[in-house]
Amino acid sequence: MFWITWSLAISDEKAILTATAERVMMRVDRATADAQRLFDELSSARLEPCSQAHINTMRRMVFNTRTVEEIGYFENGRLACTSWGVIETVVDFREPDFVTREGLGVTLNVWPALPGGAAKLALNRGSYNVLVDPLRFVDVLTEQQIRMGVAAANGLIVVQSDEAPLALLAQLAHAPQSYPEGDVAFSIVRSNDWTAIALERQPSFFSTLRREQLILLPISLVIAGLIVSVVIWQSRQRLSLHAEITNAIRREEFEVHYQPIVEISSGRCVGAEALVRWRRPDGSWIRPDLFIPVAEETGLVGDITRMVIKHVGTDLGGTLAGDTSLHIAVNLAPQDLKTDAILTSLDALTSSHAIAPNQIWLEVTERGIMDYDAARETIFQARKAGYRLSIDDFGTGYSSLKHLQQIDFDALKIDKSFVDTIGVPSAKSAVIYHIIEMAKALDVAIIGEGIERQEQADYLRGNGVAFAQGWLYSRALPAREFKAYLTATNRSP
């Protein structure tokens, strides 16, 4: 226990320092990448130097870039204009203190044209330079008294945080990546052109840990025993559920229920969302929120998705082929979007049951497209094949507007948490109106989820939402009951 606690303290300290240095390096890399991108865009723009269009373009680039504070244009070795405007005073071009391997000139302690500004870091290429605040590189929040610095590949210190020992940083910039046993702990992260350093004097909690180990040892042993017992129990439960899911897939214990999607104005059923259900051999049901996360973690969710698609064909293939105005929405997990395997199952469904591709709607959540680069090709091919795309649970994930700009989709589902605020005083009450207006501007179908009260349906209809699903209309139904519901609802024209 003595050895383990000490080793863990050392390991944690290494991890914290390394993570801090990596975050510093990430900020440096982001700034240089932004500068290279701006230089490329300005070079290709071919604008008349220092014209109003030129200045406006530079100004817009600064506004839209997180790391750059000012762009300057040099002509005949003198600053002609910046993103602030035409320069009246004479400012000569300074030769860079060093040049990166990618040809980016770096000049330290450059004063911006704005009077009273602080010294900046200049990155230049060709006729342009950009000013970056180097203090942003080391403006990393930590719980410990960690000092940070950034050095060039030649050892020149570019910036250091408050109270960081300059001489020690300069010494460490030339040192190998290591972790000394002395009174200074440090970590170094290097790239081709930069060196990020995070250091800390011997932390006080190390000596405190040694002093208190004798007191904590008996308690630690008891707590460790309890934790190990709990971890073992939870692991066995997790592994047991994993094994059960694997067996359930093999025995085809999963069923699909269909929750109707209704046109609010007429009450006509226009489709349904396919929802997976798991009934064990003993007749008990397992909630999706229990087994779906495990299936995602263990890589089994793709098998479940393919089983759902197969059920859609078996359950409703004839119904969909007979009424092309109907659609079925199938939920896709993040893993489903990383390969094109799911498209094979969808193509088999539509071809074998004579279903039009636009009758299959693929529902993805914001979480599912966080890694948009991995999902891009699958989404593109699905759209190309004619399948519709719907954003599910909109407003509950991250970077929603970014995703809306990146993805061409057909429908947006308003999450139940926003629908529940209709008619109820809540901080979210105004949000649903703005979501609806945004969807209208994007010209996509809007579907309200979790409709339970007529008041909610009336509000949505009054604000231009055409479709809804929820218990006000129907719960999720087995295939036979859904077809009966469909017949009864759509009997009248």
Protein backbone atom coordinates (compact mmCIF):
# COMPACT_ATOMS: atom_id res chain seq x y z
CA MET A 1 0.00 0.00 0.00
CA PHE A 2 2.93 2.35 0.73
CA TRP A 3 4.47 1.57 -2.64
CA ILE A 4 1.17 1.71 -4.54
CA THR A 5 0.10 5.08 -3.13
CA TRP A 6 3.50 6.60 -3.88
CA SER A 7 3.60 5.14 -7.39
CA LEU A 8 0.10 6.39 -8.11
CA ALA A 9 1.05 9.88 -6.91
CA ILE A 10 4.08 9.94 -9.21
CA SER A 11 2.05 8.53 -12.13
CA ASP A 12 -0.74 11.06 -11.61
CA GLU A 13 1.77 13.90 -11.47
CA LYS A 14 3.35 12.77 -14.73
CA ALA A 15 -0.05 12.48 -16.39
CA ILE A 16 -1.16 15.95 -15.23
CA LEU A 17 2.04 17.63 -16.40
CA THR A 18 2.03 15.79 -19.72
CA ALA A 19 -1.64 16.63 -20.32
CA THR A 20 -0.92 20.30 -19.54
CA ALA A 21 2.04 20.40 -21.93
CA GLU A 22 -0.07 18.72 -24.63
CA ARG A 23 -2.79 21.32 -24.21
CA VAL A 24 -0.21 24.08 -24.58
CA MET A 25 1.15 22.42 -27.74
CA MET A 26 -2.39 22.04 -29.08
CA ARG A 27 -2.92 25.80 -28.76
CA VAL A 28 0.35 26.54 -30.55
CA ASP A 29 -0.55 24.13 -33.35
CA ARG A 30 -4.00 25.66 -33.68
CA ALA A 31 -2.55 29.18 -34.00
CA THR A 32 0.00 28.19 -36.66
CA ALA A 33 -2.60 26.17 -38.57
CA ASP A 34 -5.01 29.14 -38.52
CA ALA A 35 -2.23 31.41 -39.80
CA GLN A 36 -1.35 29.05 -42.67
CA ARG A 37 -5.02 28.79 -43.61
CA LEU A 38 -5.45 32.58 -43.67
CA PHE A 39 -2.31 33.01 -45.78
CA ASP A 40 -3.61 30.46 -48.28
CA GLU A 41 -7.01 32.14 -48.50
CA LEU A 42 -5.55 35.63 -48.86
CA SER A 43 -3.09 34.50 -51.55
CA SER A 44 -5.87 32.91 -53.58
CA ALA A 45 -8.30 35.83 -53.12
CA ARG A 46 -6.34 38.08 -55.55
CA LEU A 47 -7.71 41.30 -54.10
CA GLU A 48 -6.35 44.74 -54.87
CA PRO A 49 -3.89 45.49 -52.03
CA CYS A 50 -5.31 47.71 -49.29
CA SER A 51 -8.58 48.24 -51.15
CA GLN A 52 -11.71 48.37 -49.03
CA ALA A 53 -12.58 44.83 -50.19
CA HIS A 54 -9.08 43.68 -49.15
CA ILE A 55 -9.36 45.28 -45.71
CA ASN A 56 -12.91 43.96 -45.21
CA THR A 57 -11.74 40.45 -46.11
CA MET A 58 -8.89 40.59 -43.58
CA ARG A 59 -11.23 42.01 -40.96
CA ARG A 60 -13.76 39.23 -41.54
CA MET A 61 -11.02 36.60 -41.29
CA VAL A 62 -9.88 37.99 -37.94
CA PHE A 63 -13.45 38.02 -36.69
CA ASN A 64 -13.99 34.40 -37.70
CA THR A 65 -10.67 33.05 -36.38
CA ARG A 66 -10.24 32.34 -32.68
CA THR A 67 -6.45 32.71 -32.47
CA VAL A 68 -5.59 35.65 -34.76
CA GLU A 69 -6.01 39.21 -33.50
CA GLU A 70 -4.78 41.23 -36.49
CA ILE A 71 -3.67 40.67 -40.10
CA GLY A 72 -1.11 42.94 -41.77
CA TYR A 73 -0.13 43.42 -45.41
CA PHE A 74 3.41 44.53 -46.27
CA GLU A 75 4.46 46.23 -49.47
CA ASN A 76 8.08 47.04 -50.29
CA GLY A 77 9.12 46.13 -46.77
CA ARG A 78 6.65 48.42 -45.01
CA LEU A 79 3.26 47.84 -43.45
CA ALA A 80 0.68 49.18 -45.88
CA CYS A 81 -2.57 48.17 -44.21
CA THR A 82 -4.03 45.84 -41.61
CA SER A 83 -7.40 44.43 -40.73
CA TRP A 84 -7.92 47.74 -38.87
CA GLY A 85 -7.45 49.77 -42.07
CA VAL A 86 -4.80 51.72 -43.96
CA ILE A 87 -1.70 52.52 -41.89
CA GLU A 88 -0.56 56.14 -41.84
CA THR A 89 2.62 55.69 -39.79
CA VAL A 90 5.75 53.98 -41.06
CA VAL A 91 6.17 50.42 -39.80
CA ASP A 92 9.07 48.48 -41.30
CA PHE A 93 9.04 44.74 -41.76
CA ARG A 94 11.14 42.93 -39.15
CA GLU A 95 13.10 39.87 -40.10
CA PRO A 96 11.74 36.82 -38.22
CA ASP A 97 13.57 35.49 -35.20
CA PHE A 98 13.26 32.00 -36.68
CA VAL A 99 11.49 30.15 -39.49
CA THR A 100 9.51 26.93 -39.05
CA ARG A 101 10.06 23.92 -41.26
CA GLU A 102 6.84 24.80 -43.10
CA GLY A 103 8.24 28.21 -44.02
CA LEU A 104 6.36 30.24 -41.40
CA GLY A 105 8.36 33.20 -40.12
CA VAL A 106 8.06 33.82 -36.36
CA THR A 107 8.88 37.20 -34.82
CA LEU A 108 8.75 37.86 -31.09
CA ASN A 109 7.60 41.03 -29.29
CA VAL A 110 5.78 42.71 -32.14
CA TRP A 111 3.65 45.68 -31.19
CA PRO A 112 0.30 45.94 -32.98
CA ALA A 113 -0.84 49.03 -34.84
CA LEU A 114 -3.54 49.62 -32.23
CA PRO A 115 -2.17 52.14 -29.71
CA GLY A 116 -1.79 50.78 -26.18
CA GLY A 117 -1.80 47.15 -27.25
CA ALA A 118 0.44 44.53 -25.68
CA ALA A 119 3.33 42.84 -27.44
CA LYS A 120 2.27 40.01 -29.75
CA LEU A 121 3.77 37.13 -31.66
CA ALA A 122 3.92 37.67 -35.43
CA LEU A 123 3.63 34.82 -37.91
CA ASN A 124 4.38 35.77 -41.48
CA ARG A 125 4.48 34.30 -44.96
CA GLY A 126 4.98 36.25 -48.14
CA SER A 127 3.42 39.71 -47.95
CA TYR A 128 1.22 38.97 -44.95
CA ASN A 129 1.65 38.53 -41.25
CA VAL A 130 -0.78 37.80 -38.44
CA LEU A 131 -0.52 38.82 -34.80
CA VAL A 132 -1.23 36.25 -32.12
CA ASP A 133 -1.31 36.76 -28.37
CA PRO A 134 1.34 34.26 -27.13
CA LEU A 135 -0.09 34.36 -23.61
CA ARG A 136 -3.02 32.32 -24.94
CA PHE A 137 -0.61 29.41 -25.42
CA VAL A 138 0.01 29.18 -21.66
CA ASP A 139 -3.42 30.32 -20.47
CA VAL A 140 -4.29 26.80 -19.33
CA LEU A 141 -6.27 26.40 -16.12
CA THR A 142 -4.93 23.81 -13.69
CA GLU A 143 -5.72 22.97 -10.11
CA GLN A 144 -2.03 22.84 -9.23
CA GLN A 145 0.69 25.48 -9.36
CA ILE A 146 1.97 24.41 -12.77
CA ARG A 147 4.15 26.82 -14.74
CA MET A 148 4.24 26.62 -18.53
CA GLY A 149 6.41 27.82 -21.34
CA VAL A 150 6.80 27.52 -25.10
CA ALA A 151 10.17 27.45 -26.84
CA ALA A 152 11.24 27.33 -30.46
CA ALA A 153 13.13 24.36 -31.84
CA ASN A 154 16.37 26.34 -31.40
CA GLY A 155 15.68 26.79 -27.68
CA LEU A 156 14.51 30.41 -27.85
CA ILE A 157 11.77 31.01 -25.26
CA VAL A 158 8.67 32.34 -26.99
CA VAL A 159 6.40 32.83 -23.97
CA GLN A 160 6.13 31.75 -20.36
CA SER A 161 3.35 31.90 -17.78
CA ASP A 162 3.52 34.13 -14.72
CA GLU A 163 6.28 33.23 -12.25
CA ALA A 164 7.70 30.60 -14.60
CA PRO A 165 11.50 30.47 -14.11
CA LEU A 166 12.95 31.65 -17.42
CA ALA A 167 16.40 30.19 -16.87
CA LEU A 168 14.99 26.78 -15.97
CA LEU A 169 12.68 26.85 -19.01
CA ALA A 170 15.64 27.62 -21.25
CA GLN A 171 17.57 24.74 -19.70
CA LEU A 172 14.66 22.31 -20.08
CA ALA A 173 14.09 23.36 -23.70
CA HIS A 174 17.37 21.60 -24.53
CA ALA A 175 16.81 18.67 -22.14
CA PRO A 176 15.42 15.24 -23.06
CA GLN A 177 11.88 14.42 -22.06
CA SER A 178 12.26 13.08 -18.53
CA TYR A 179 11.00 13.31 -14.99
CA PRO A 180 13.75 14.11 -12.44
CA GLU A 181 13.69 12.97 -8.85
CA GLY A 182 14.77 16.39 -7.59
CA ASP A 183 12.63 19.28 -6.42
CA VAL A 184 11.23 20.01 -9.90
CA ALA A 185 8.80 17.83 -11.81
CA PHE A 186 8.35 18.59 -15.48
CA SER A 187 7.08 17.24 -18.78
CA ILE A 188 8.15 18.22 -22.29
CA VAL A 189 6.15 17.79 -25.49
CA ARG A 190 7.97 18.46 -28.75
CA SER A 191 6.98 18.96 -32.37
CA ASN A 192 9.10 19.80 -35.41
CA ASP A 193 9.19 23.51 -34.57
CA TRP A 194 7.99 23.95 -30.99
CA THR A 195 8.62 22.71 -27.47
CA ALA A 196 5.92 22.90 -24.80
CA ILE A 197 7.05 22.65 -21.16
CA ALA A 198 4.99 22.16 -18.00
CA LEU A 199 6.80 22.16 -14.68
CA GLU A 200 6.08 22.24 -10.97
CA ARG A 201 8.19 22.48 -7.90
CA GLN A 202 8.03 19.34 -5.76
CA PRO A 203 4.33 19.36 -4.86
CA SER A 204 3.55 19.84 -1.19
CA PHE A 205 1.05 16.98 -1.19
CA PHE A 206 3.93 14.53 -1.75
CA SER A 207 5.38 15.19 1.71
CA THR A 208 1.88 15.32 3.19
CA LEU A 209 1.15 11.96 1.64
CA ARG A 210 4.22 10.43 3.27
CA ARG A 211 3.25 11.88 6.65
CA GLU A 212 -0.33 10.67 6.54
CA GLN A 213 0.25 7.24 5.05
CA LEU A 214 0.50 5.60 8.47
CA ILE A 215 -2.87 7.09 9.41
CA LEU A 216 -4.54 6.37 6.09
CA LEU A 217 -3.16 2.91 5.52
CA PRO A 218 -5.74 0.94 7.56
CA ILE A 219 -8.62 3.02 6.15
CA SER A 220 -7.19 2.71 2.65
CA LEU A 221 -7.05 -1.05 2.94
CA VAL A 222 -10.71 -1.24 3.93
CA ILE A 223 -11.81 1.23 1.23
CA ALA A 224 -9.68 -0.50 -1.39
CA GLY A 225 -11.24 -3.82 -0.47
CA LEU A 226 -14.73 -2.38 -0.80
CA ILE A 227 -13.92 -0.68 -4.11
CA VAL A 228 -12.39 -3.83 -5.55
CA SER A 229 -15.46 -5.79 -4.49
CA VAL A 230 -17.80 -3.27 -6.11
CA VAL A 231 -15.71 -3.13 -9.30
CA ILE A 232 -15.64 -6.91 -9.56
CA TRP A 233 -19.41 -7.07 -9.02
CA GLN A 234 -20.09 -4.35 -11.60
CA SER A 235 -17.70 -5.95 -14.09
CA ARG A 236 -19.41 -9.29 -13.74
CA GLN A 237 -22.78 -7.62 -14.22
CA ARG A 238 -21.48 -5.81 -17.30
CA LEU A 239 -19.89 -8.92 -18.73
CA SER A 240 -23.01 -10.90 -17.94
CA LEU A 241 -25.21 -8.40 -19.82
CA HIS A 242 -22.76 -8.42 -22.72
CA ALA A 243 -22.98 -12.20 -22.92
CA GLU A 244 -26.77 -12.06 -22.68
CA ILE A 245 -26.97 -9.53 -25.53
CA THR A 246 -24.73 -11.74 -27.66
CA ASN A 247 -26.97 -14.73 -26.99
CA ALA A 248 -30.10 -12.64 -27.57
CA ILE A 249 -28.84 -11.59 -31.00
CA ARG A 250 -28.07 -15.19 -31.87
CA ARG A 251 -31.50 -16.38 -30.67
CA GLU A 252 -33.25 -13.35 -32.27
CA GLU A 253 -34.95 -12.29 -29.04
CA PHE A 254 -35.20 -8.66 -30.16
CA GLU A 255 -38.50 -7.34 -31.45
CA VAL A 256 -39.42 -4.10 -33.14
CA HIS A 257 -42.33 -1.92 -32.06
CA TYR A 258 -43.55 0.99 -34.15
CA GLN A 259 -44.59 4.35 -32.72
CA PRO A 260 -46.87 6.18 -35.17
CA ILE A 261 -45.89 9.55 -36.62
CA VAL A 262 -49.03 11.57 -37.23
CA GLU A 263 -49.92 14.57 -39.34
CA ILE A 264 -51.25 16.96 -36.69
CA SER A 265 -53.79 18.75 -38.88
CA SER A 266 -55.57 15.61 -40.13
CA GLY A 267 -54.63 12.95 -37.56
CA ARG A 268 -53.49 10.74 -40.44
CA CYS A 269 -50.61 8.36 -39.74
CA VAL A 270 -47.76 9.08 -42.17
CA GLY A 271 -45.24 6.64 -40.78
CA ALA A 272 -43.61 5.30 -37.65
CA GLU A 273 -40.35 5.13 -35.74
CA ALA A 274 -38.95 1.62 -35.40
CA LEU A 275 -38.00 1.02 -31.75
CA VAL A 276 -36.11 -2.09 -30.66
CA ARG A 277 -37.43 -4.11 -27.72
CA TRP A 278 -35.84 -7.07 -25.94
CA ARG A 279 -38.01 -9.79 -24.45
CA ARG A 280 -36.18 -12.53 -22.61
CA PRO A 281 -37.27 -16.17 -22.93
CA ASP A 282 -38.98 -15.91 -19.52
CA GLY A 283 -41.20 -13.12 -20.89
CA SER A 284 -39.52 -10.25 -19.02
CA TRP A 285 -38.61 -7.07 -20.88
CA ILE A 286 -35.23 -5.29 -20.74
CA ARG A 287 -35.36 -1.53 -21.17
CA PRO A 288 -33.44 -0.13 -24.17
CA ASP A 289 -31.63 2.40 -21.97
CA LEU A 290 -30.03 -0.57 -20.17
CA PHE A 291 -28.87 -2.71 -23.08
CA ILE A 292 -28.25 -0.17 -25.87
CA PRO A 293 -25.30 1.57 -24.07
CA VAL A 294 -23.69 -1.82 -23.40
CA ALA A 295 -24.24 -2.84 -27.00
CA GLU A 296 -22.58 0.39 -28.16
CA GLU A 297 -19.61 -0.09 -25.83
CA THR A 298 -19.08 -3.72 -26.89
CA GLY A 299 -19.57 -3.24 -30.63
CA LEU A 300 -22.83 -5.22 -30.81
CA VAL A 301 -25.09 -2.30 -31.69
CA GLY A 302 -24.47 -2.81 -35.43
CA ASP A 303 -25.91 -6.33 -35.21
CA ILE A 304 -28.98 -4.95 -33.41
CA THR A 305 -29.46 -2.23 -36.04
CA ARG A 306 -29.27 -4.78 -38.85
CA MET A 307 -31.81 -6.94 -37.00
CA VAL A 308 -34.17 -3.94 -36.73
CA ILE A 309 -33.85 -3.32 -40.49
CA LYS A 310 -34.60 -6.99 -41.17
CA HIS A 311 -37.70 -6.81 -38.94
CA VAL A 312 -38.95 -3.72 -40.78
CA GLY A 313 -38.96 -5.71 -44.00
CA THR A 314 -40.58 -8.77 -42.46
CA ASP A 315 -43.18 -6.80 -40.48
CA LEU A 316 -44.11 -3.99 -42.86
CA GLY A 317 -42.55 -4.72 -46.25
CA GLY A 318 -45.88 -5.31 -47.95
CA THR A 319 -47.50 -2.35 -46.19
CA LEU A 320 -44.78 0.07 -47.30
CA ALA A 321 -44.77 -1.28 -50.86
CA GLY A 322 -48.54 -0.84 -51.02
CA ASP A 323 -48.55 2.75 -49.75
CA THR A 324 -45.55 4.80 -50.88
CA SER A 325 -46.68 7.77 -48.76
CA LEU A 326 -45.70 5.89 -45.59
CA HIS A 327 -42.19 5.89 -44.14
CA ILE A 328 -40.38 4.08 -41.34
CA ALA A 329 -37.65 5.82 -39.32
CA VAL A 330 -34.71 3.65 -38.23
CA ASN A 331 -32.35 4.86 -35.49
CA LEU A 332 -28.64 4.63 -36.27
CA ALA A 333 -25.95 4.51 -33.57
CA PRO A 334 -22.63 6.39 -33.98
CA GLN A 335 -20.87 3.11 -34.86
CA ASP A 336 -23.37 2.49 -37.68
CA LEU A 337 -22.15 5.64 -39.43
CA LYS A 338 -18.46 4.78 -39.38
CA THR A 339 -18.69 2.13 -42.11
CA ASP A 340 -20.93 1.48 -45.10
CA ALA A 341 -22.04 -1.94 -43.79
CA ILE A 342 -25.42 -0.52 -42.76
CA LEU A 343 -26.08 0.55 -46.37
CA THR A 344 -25.87 -3.08 -47.50
CA SER A 345 -28.67 -4.02 -45.10
CA LEU A 346 -30.77 -1.05 -46.20
CA ASP A 347 -30.32 -1.88 -49.87
CA ALA A 348 -31.33 -5.48 -49.20
CA LEU A 349 -34.45 -4.26 -47.39
CA THR A 350 -35.62 -1.96 -50.18
CA SER A 351 -34.80 -4.31 -53.08
CA SER A 352 -36.28 -7.48 -51.59
CA HIS A 353 -39.58 -5.82 -50.54
CA ALA A 354 -39.98 -3.29 -53.39
CA ILE A 355 -39.74 -0.38 -50.95
CA ALA A 356 -38.75 3.04 -52.27
CA PRO A 357 -35.54 4.29 -50.56
CA ASN A 358 -37.25 7.55 -49.59
CA GLN A 359 -39.66 5.52 -47.43
CA ILE A 360 -36.77 4.73 -45.09
CA TRP A 361 -35.73 7.61 -42.83
CA LEU A 362 -32.43 7.32 -41.00
CA GLU A 363 -32.49 8.99 -37.60
CA VAL A 364 -29.17 10.15 -36.16
CA THR A 365 -28.58 12.08 -32.98
CA GLU A 366 -26.24 15.02 -32.54
CA ARG A 367 -24.00 12.74 -30.47
CA GLY A 368 -23.94 10.29 -33.38
CA ILE A 369 -22.40 12.85 -35.73
CA MET A 370 -19.95 14.50 -33.35
CA ASP A 371 -17.21 12.73 -35.32
CA TYR A 372 -18.53 14.07 -38.61
CA ASP A 373 -15.41 13.18 -40.60
CA ALA A 374 -15.96 9.48 -39.85
CA ALA A 375 -19.68 9.65 -40.67
CA ARG A 376 -19.48 11.89 -43.76
CA GLU A 377 -19.05 9.16 -46.39
CA THR A 378 -21.82 6.92 -45.02
CA ILE A 379 -24.23 9.87 -44.84
CA PHE A 380 -23.30 10.95 -48.36
CA GLN A 381 -23.84 7.47 -49.81
CA ALA A 382 -27.14 7.07 -47.94
CA ARG A 383 -28.42 10.38 -49.29
CA LYS A 384 -27.20 9.48 -52.77
CA ALA A 385 -29.14 6.19 -52.61
CA GLY A 386 -32.33 8.11 -51.81
CA TYR A 387 -32.71 7.49 -48.07
CA ARG A 388 -34.00 10.39 -46.00
CA LEU A 389 -32.04 11.77 -43.04
CA SER A 390 -33.53 13.05 -39.79
CA ILE A 391 -31.79 14.74 -36.84
CA ASP A 392 -33.21 13.18 -33.66
CA ASP A 393 -33.40 14.73 -30.16
CA PHE A 394 -32.31 18.08 -31.55
CA GLY A 395 -31.12 20.59 -28.95
CA THR A 396 -29.83 18.06 -26.41
CA GLY A 397 -26.35 17.52 -27.92
CA TYR A 398 -23.37 19.72 -28.70
CA SER A 399 -22.44 22.05 -31.55
CA SER A 400 -25.95 21.85 -32.99
CA LEU A 401 -25.63 24.78 -35.40
CA LYS A 402 -22.31 23.45 -36.68
CA HIS A 403 -23.94 20.12 -37.49
CA LEU A 404 -26.87 21.79 -39.22
CA GLN A 405 -24.44 23.60 -41.50
CA GLN A 406 -22.47 20.46 -42.33
CA ILE A 407 -25.24 17.99 -43.03
CA ASP A 408 -27.92 17.90 -45.72
CA PHE A 409 -30.96 16.49 -43.94
CA ASP A 410 -34.72 16.25 -44.46
CA ALA A 411 -36.31 16.40 -41.02
CA LEU A 412 -35.64 17.68 -37.53
CA LYS A 413 -37.15 16.14 -34.40
CA ILE A 414 -37.75 18.43 -31.45
CA ASP A 415 -36.74 16.63 -28.26
CA LYS A 416 -39.41 15.80 -25.67
CA SER A 417 -37.63 17.91 -23.04
CA PHE A 418 -38.54 21.04 -25.04
CA VAL A 419 -42.07 19.86 -25.88
CA ASP A 420 -42.71 19.34 -22.15
CA THR A 421 -42.17 23.08 -21.53
CA ILE A 422 -45.20 24.06 -23.64
CA GLY A 423 -47.70 25.71 -21.35
CA VAL A 424 -45.34 25.40 -18.37
CA PRO A 425 -43.18 28.28 -17.02
CA SER A 426 -39.61 27.19 -17.74
CA ALA A 427 -36.23 28.55 -18.82
CA LYS A 428 -36.56 26.37 -21.93
CA SER A 429 -40.00 27.71 -22.89
CA ALA A 430 -38.64 30.17 -25.45
CA VAL A 431 -36.17 27.70 -26.93
CA ILE A 432 -38.76 25.56 -28.73
CA TYR A 433 -40.04 28.58 -30.68
CA HIS A 434 -36.54 29.38 -31.93
CA ILE A 435 -35.92 25.74 -32.88
CA ILE A 436 -39.13 25.74 -34.94
CA GLU A 437 -38.22 29.00 -36.67
CA MET A 438 -34.73 27.73 -37.44
CA ALA A 439 -36.12 24.53 -38.95
CA LYS A 440 -38.51 26.58 -41.08
CA ALA A 441 -35.61 28.65 -42.36
CA LEU A 442 -33.81 25.45 -43.31
CA ASP A 443 -36.96 24.21 -45.10
CA VAL A 444 -37.02 20.79 -43.42
CA ALA A 445 -39.89 18.75 -42.01
CA ILE A 446 -40.45 19.28 -38.27
CA ILE A 447 -41.60 16.51 -35.93
CA GLY A 448 -42.46 17.03 -32.28
CA GLU A 449 -41.59 14.11 -30.00
CA GLY A 450 -43.22 13.06 -26.75
CA ILE A 451 -46.61 14.72 -27.35
CA GLU A 452 -48.81 13.84 -24.37
CA ARG A 453 -51.30 16.73 -24.12
CA GLN A 454 -53.61 18.28 -26.68
CA GLU A 455 -52.27 21.68 -25.62
CA GLN A 456 -48.84 20.64 -26.93
CA ALA A 457 -50.24 19.47 -30.26
CA ASP A 458 -52.22 22.70 -30.67
CA TYR A 459 -49.15 24.82 -29.96
CA LEU A 460 -47.02 22.91 -32.46
CA ARG A 461 -49.70 23.07 -35.15
CA GLY A 462 -50.20 26.78 -34.54
CA ASN A 463 -46.48 27.38 -35.02
CA GLY A 464 -46.22 25.46 -38.27
CA VAL A 465 -45.09 22.03 -37.05
CA ALA A 466 -46.71 19.47 -39.31
CA PHE A 467 -45.98 16.14 -37.61
CA ALA A 468 -45.90 14.66 -34.11
CA GLN A 469 -45.51 11.42 -32.23
CA GLY A 470 -46.25 10.58 -28.63
CA TRP A 471 -48.71 8.95 -26.28
CA LEU A 472 -51.42 11.48 -27.17
CA TYR A 473 -51.68 9.52 -30.42
CA SER A 474 -50.30 6.10 -29.58
CA ARG A 475 -47.59 4.24 -27.71
CA ALA A 476 -45.11 2.12 -29.63
CA LEU A 477 -47.05 -0.86 -31.04
CA PRO A 478 -46.12 -4.37 -32.18
CA ALA A 479 -46.30 -4.78 -35.94
CA ARG A 480 -49.79 -6.33 -36.01
CA GLU A 481 -51.28 -3.64 -33.76
CA PHE A 482 -49.53 -0.88 -35.73
CA LYS A 483 -51.06 -2.11 -38.99
CA ALA A 484 -54.48 -2.15 -37.33
CA TYR A 485 -53.89 1.40 -36.06
CA LEU A 486 -52.80 2.44 -39.54
CA THR A 487 -55.98 1.01 -41.11
CA ALA A 488 -58.25 2.66 -38.53
CA THR A 489 -56.51 6.04 -38.66
CA ASN A 490 -56.21 6.31 -42.41
CA ARG A 491 -59.60 4.83 -43.33
CA SER A 492 -61.05 8.26 -44.14
CA PRO A 493 -59.43 10.21 -47.02
